[in-house]
Amino acid sequence: MSDFQHEAGRFAAFIDRADREEMEAVQGDLLRIALERPDPAGRVQAMDALQAALSDRIRPDAMSPLQQAFYVAVLSMIERTKEAVAKAPARAD
């Protein structure tokens, strides 16, 4: 299983719980995943891969309305994170 499949599983579990107290942790996880990559292009690719892996796991038609709302929120957070990290300078390792 790829890192993104593992991470998507974690985000899917968050969506299943639909606990708004966890939103800050989700955003922190998204930033961690993106910033593990040294360059802006790699960060965007990481967010794209995570979003694709999550979309492969999630079936909105089988979710409660609250879970659907959390799914949309996570997708929005991924998009916003992608936009932000694409503008951040590359890391000098």
N, C-alpha and C. Protein backbone atom coordinates (compact mmCIF):
# COMPACT_ATOMS: atom_id res chain seq x y z
N MET A 1 0.85 -1.18 0.00
CA MET A 1 0.00 0.00 0.00
C MET A 1 0.90 1.24 0.00
N SER A 2 0.60 2.19 -0.86
CA SER A 2 1.41 3.40 -0.94
C SER A 2 1.16 4.29 0.27
N ASP A 3 2.07 5.23 0.48
CA ASP A 3 1.89 6.19 1.57
C ASP A 3 0.57 6.93 1.41
N PHE A 4 0.21 7.23 0.18
CA PHE A 4 -1.01 7.99 -0.03
C PHE A 4 -2.24 7.15 0.27
N GLN A 5 -2.19 5.86 0.02
CA GLN A 5 -3.31 4.99 0.38
C GLN A 5 -3.46 4.93 1.90
N HIS A 6 -2.33 4.85 2.58
CA HIS A 6 -2.36 4.84 4.06
C HIS A 6 -2.94 6.16 4.58
N GLU A 7 -2.43 7.26 4.06
CA GLU A 7 -2.93 8.58 4.49
C GLU A 7 -4.41 8.73 4.14
N ALA A 8 -4.80 8.28 2.94
CA ALA A 8 -6.22 8.36 2.55
C ALA A 8 -7.08 7.57 3.52
N GLY A 9 -6.58 6.46 3.99
CA GLY A 9 -7.31 5.67 4.99
C GLY A 9 -7.51 6.45 6.27
N ARG A 10 -6.50 7.17 6.67
CA ARG A 10 -6.61 8.00 7.88
C ARG A 10 -7.64 9.11 7.69
N PHE A 11 -7.63 9.74 6.52
CA PHE A 11 -8.59 10.81 6.25
C PHE A 11 -10.01 10.24 6.11
N ALA A 12 -10.13 9.06 5.52
CA ALA A 12 -11.45 8.42 5.40
C ALA A 12 -12.00 8.11 6.79
N ALA A 13 -11.15 7.68 7.70
CA ALA A 13 -11.59 7.41 9.08
C ALA A 13 -12.06 8.70 9.75
N PHE A 14 -11.35 9.79 9.51
CA PHE A 14 -11.77 11.09 10.03
C PHE A 14 -13.16 11.45 9.50
N ILE A 15 -13.36 11.25 8.20
CA ILE A 15 -14.64 11.57 7.59
C ILE A 15 -15.74 10.70 8.18
N ASP A 16 -15.45 9.43 8.41
CA ASP A 16 -16.43 8.53 9.02
C ASP A 16 -16.83 9.00 10.41
N ARG A 17 -15.86 9.49 11.18
CA ARG A 17 -16.16 9.96 12.54
C ARG A 17 -16.89 11.30 12.52
N ALA A 18 -16.61 12.12 11.50
CA ALA A 18 -17.24 13.44 11.36
C ALA A 18 -17.16 14.24 12.65
N ASP A 19 -15.96 14.32 13.18
CA ASP A 19 -15.73 15.04 14.44
C ASP A 19 -15.02 16.36 14.14
N ARG A 20 -15.74 17.46 14.29
CA ARG A 20 -15.15 18.75 13.93
C ARG A 20 -13.99 19.14 14.82
N GLU A 21 -13.85 18.50 15.96
CA GLU A 21 -12.70 18.76 16.83
C GLU A 21 -11.39 18.31 16.18
N GLU A 22 -11.48 17.49 15.17
CA GLU A 22 -10.28 16.95 14.51
C GLU A 22 -9.84 17.78 13.30
N MET A 23 -10.57 18.81 12.95
CA MET A 23 -10.26 19.59 11.75
C MET A 23 -8.85 20.17 11.78
N GLU A 24 -8.43 20.67 12.91
CA GLU A 24 -7.09 21.25 13.01
C GLU A 24 -6.02 20.18 12.75
N ALA A 25 -6.25 18.99 13.28
CA ALA A 25 -5.29 17.90 13.07
C ALA A 25 -5.24 17.50 11.60
N VAL A 26 -6.39 17.52 10.94
CA VAL A 26 -6.43 17.19 9.51
C VAL A 26 -5.61 18.19 8.72
N GLN A 27 -5.78 19.48 9.00
CA GLN A 27 -5.01 20.49 8.29
C GLN A 27 -3.52 20.33 8.56
N GLY A 28 -3.17 20.03 9.79
CA GLY A 28 -1.77 19.79 10.12
C GLY A 28 -1.20 18.60 9.36
N ASP A 29 -1.99 17.54 9.24
CA ASP A 29 -1.55 16.37 8.48
C ASP A 29 -1.35 16.70 7.01
N LEU A 30 -2.27 17.49 6.45
CA LEU A 30 -2.12 17.88 5.04
C LEU A 30 -0.84 18.67 4.82
N LEU A 31 -0.56 19.60 5.70
CA LEU A 31 0.68 20.39 5.58
C LEU A 31 1.90 19.49 5.72
N ARG A 32 1.86 18.57 6.67
CA ARG A 32 2.99 17.66 6.87
C ARG A 32 3.25 16.85 5.61
N ILE A 33 2.18 16.28 5.04
CA ILE A 33 2.32 15.47 3.83
C ILE A 33 2.91 16.29 2.69
N ALA A 34 2.40 17.49 2.50
CA ALA A 34 2.88 18.34 1.40
C ALA A 34 4.32 18.78 1.62
N LEU A 35 4.62 19.22 2.82
CA LEU A 35 5.94 19.79 3.08
C LEU A 35 7.04 18.75 3.23
N GLU A 36 6.68 17.47 3.23
CA GLU A 36 7.70 16.42 3.19
C GLU A 36 8.43 16.44 1.85
N ARG A 37 7.79 17.01 0.84
CA ARG A 37 8.41 17.12 -0.49
C ARG A 37 9.23 18.40 -0.54
N PRO A 38 10.41 18.35 -1.14
CA PRO A 38 11.30 19.52 -1.09
C PRO A 38 10.92 20.65 -2.04
N ASP A 39 10.15 20.36 -3.09
CA ASP A 39 9.90 21.40 -4.09
C ASP A 39 8.39 21.60 -4.29
N PRO A 40 8.00 22.79 -4.76
CA PRO A 40 6.57 23.07 -4.96
C PRO A 40 5.86 22.08 -5.87
N ALA A 41 6.48 21.65 -6.95
CA ALA A 41 5.83 20.70 -7.86
C ALA A 41 5.56 19.37 -7.16
N GLY A 42 6.51 18.91 -6.37
CA GLY A 42 6.33 17.66 -5.63
C GLY A 42 5.23 17.77 -4.59
N ARG A 43 5.10 18.94 -4.00
CA ARG A 43 4.04 19.16 -3.01
C ARG A 43 2.68 19.09 -3.66
N VAL A 44 2.56 19.71 -4.82
CA VAL A 44 1.28 19.68 -5.55
C VAL A 44 0.97 18.25 -5.97
N GLN A 45 1.98 17.52 -6.43
CA GLN A 45 1.77 16.12 -6.82
C GLN A 45 1.33 15.29 -5.62
N ALA A 46 1.89 15.56 -4.46
CA ALA A 46 1.50 14.83 -3.26
C ALA A 46 0.03 15.08 -2.93
N MET A 47 -0.40 16.32 -3.02
CA MET A 47 -1.81 16.64 -2.75
C MET A 47 -2.72 16.01 -3.78
N ASP A 48 -2.30 16.01 -5.05
CA ASP A 48 -3.09 15.37 -6.10
C ASP A 48 -3.21 13.86 -5.85
N ALA A 49 -2.10 13.24 -5.48
CA ALA A 49 -2.10 11.80 -5.23
C ALA A 49 -2.96 11.45 -4.01
N LEU A 50 -2.87 12.27 -2.98
CA LEU A 50 -3.70 12.05 -1.80
C LEU A 50 -5.18 12.19 -2.14
N GLN A 51 -5.51 13.23 -2.90
CA GLN A 51 -6.90 13.45 -3.28
C GLN A 51 -7.42 12.28 -4.13
N ALA A 52 -6.61 11.78 -5.04
CA ALA A 52 -7.02 10.65 -5.87
C ALA A 52 -7.22 9.39 -5.02
N ALA A 53 -6.29 9.15 -4.10
CA ALA A 53 -6.40 7.97 -3.23
C ALA A 53 -7.65 8.07 -2.35
N LEU A 54 -7.93 9.25 -1.85
CA LEU A 54 -9.12 9.44 -1.02
C LEU A 54 -10.38 9.24 -1.85
N SER A 55 -10.39 9.78 -3.05
CA SER A 55 -11.56 9.64 -3.93
C SER A 55 -11.81 8.17 -4.29
N ASP A 56 -10.74 7.39 -4.38
CA ASP A 56 -10.90 5.96 -4.66
C ASP A 56 -11.57 5.22 -3.51
N ARG A 57 -11.38 5.72 -2.28
CA ARG A 57 -11.91 5.05 -1.10
C ARG A 57 -13.33 5.48 -0.73
N ILE A 58 -13.67 6.70 -1.04
CA ILE A 58 -14.91 7.31 -0.53
C ILE A 58 -16.05 7.09 -1.51
N ARG A 59 -17.20 6.76 -0.98
CA ARG A 59 -18.44 6.63 -1.75
C ARG A 59 -19.48 7.54 -1.10
N PRO A 60 -19.56 8.80 -1.56
CA PRO A 60 -20.47 9.76 -0.93
C PRO A 60 -21.93 9.30 -0.86
N ASP A 61 -22.37 8.52 -1.84
CA ASP A 61 -23.77 8.08 -1.83
C ASP A 61 -24.07 7.12 -0.68
N ALA A 62 -23.04 6.56 -0.06
CA ALA A 62 -23.23 5.64 1.06
C ALA A 62 -22.97 6.33 2.40
N MET A 63 -22.84 7.65 2.38
CA MET A 63 -22.49 8.40 3.59
C MET A 63 -23.69 9.19 4.10
N SER A 64 -23.62 9.50 5.38
CA SER A 64 -24.63 10.38 5.96
C SER A 64 -24.39 11.80 5.45
N PRO A 65 -25.38 12.67 5.54
CA PRO A 65 -25.17 14.06 5.13
C PRO A 65 -24.01 14.74 5.88
N LEU A 66 -23.85 14.42 7.16
CA LEU A 66 -22.75 15.01 7.93
C LEU A 66 -21.40 14.50 7.41
N GLN A 67 -21.31 13.23 7.11
CA GLN A 67 -20.07 12.69 6.56
C GLN A 67 -19.78 13.28 5.18
N GLN A 68 -20.81 13.48 4.38
CA GLN A 68 -20.63 14.11 3.07
C GLN A 68 -20.08 15.52 3.24
N ALA A 69 -20.59 16.24 4.22
CA ALA A 69 -20.10 17.60 4.48
C ALA A 69 -18.63 17.57 4.88
N PHE A 70 -18.24 16.62 5.70
CA PHE A 70 -16.84 16.51 6.10
C PHE A 70 -15.97 16.13 4.91
N TYR A 71 -16.47 15.29 4.03
CA TYR A 71 -15.72 14.92 2.83
C TYR A 71 -15.46 16.15 1.97
N VAL A 72 -16.48 16.94 1.76
CA VAL A 72 -16.32 18.18 0.98
C VAL A 72 -15.33 19.11 1.67
N ALA A 73 -15.41 19.19 3.00
CA ALA A 73 -14.48 20.05 3.74
C ALA A 73 -13.04 19.58 3.56
N VAL A 74 -12.81 18.28 3.62
CA VAL A 74 -11.45 17.75 3.45
C VAL A 74 -10.96 18.01 2.03
N LEU A 75 -11.82 17.82 1.03
CA LEU A 75 -11.42 18.12 -0.35
C LEU A 75 -11.06 19.59 -0.50
N SER A 76 -11.81 20.47 0.12
CA SER A 76 -11.50 21.91 0.08
C SER A 76 -10.17 22.20 0.76
N MET A 77 -9.93 21.53 1.87
CA MET A 77 -8.67 21.73 2.59
C MET A 77 -7.49 21.27 1.73
N ILE A 78 -7.67 20.17 1.02
CA ILE A 78 -6.61 19.68 0.13
C ILE A 78 -6.34 20.71 -0.96
N GLU A 79 -7.39 21.25 -1.56
CA GLU A 79 -7.22 22.25 -2.62
C GLU A 79 -6.52 23.50 -2.09
N ARG A 80 -6.95 23.99 -0.94
CA ARG A 80 -6.31 25.19 -0.36
C ARG A 80 -4.86 24.92 0.00
N THR A 81 -4.59 23.75 0.54
CA THR A 81 -3.21 23.40 0.88
C THR A 81 -2.36 23.32 -0.38
N LYS A 82 -2.91 22.73 -1.42
CA LYS A 82 -2.19 22.62 -2.70
C LYS A 82 -1.82 24.01 -3.22
N GLU A 83 -2.76 24.94 -3.18
CA GLU A 83 -2.49 26.30 -3.64
C GLU A 83 -1.41 26.97 -2.80
N ALA A 84 -1.48 26.77 -1.49
CA ALA A 84 -0.51 27.42 -0.60
C ALA A 84 0.90 26.86 -0.77
N VAL A 85 1.03 25.55 -0.81
CA VAL A 85 2.37 24.96 -0.88
C VAL A 85 2.99 25.10 -2.27
N ALA A 86 2.18 25.33 -3.26
CA ALA A 86 2.72 25.55 -4.61
C ALA A 86 3.49 26.87 -4.67
N LYS A 87 3.14 27.79 -3.78
CA LYS A 87 3.78 29.11 -3.77
C LYS A 87 4.98 29.16 -2.82
N ALA A 88 5.10 28.17 -1.95
CA ALA A 88 6.20 28.17 -0.98
C ALA A 88 7.51 27.84 -1.69
N PRO A 89 8.58 28.46 -1.28
CA PRO A 89 9.88 28.20 -1.93
C PRO A 89 10.35 26.76 -1.70
N ALA A 90 11.16 26.29 -2.60
CA ALA A 90 11.75 24.95 -2.47
C ALA A 90 12.68 24.92 -1.27
N ARG A 91 12.75 23.77 -0.66
CA ARG A 91 13.63 23.58 0.50
C ARG A 91 15.05 23.34 0.02
N ALA A 92 15.99 23.90 0.73
CA ALA A 92 17.41 23.64 0.44
C ALA A 92 17.88 22.61 1.45
N ASP A 93 17.90 21.33 1.04
CA ASP A 93 18.29 20.26 1.97
C ASP A 93 19.78 20.14 2.11
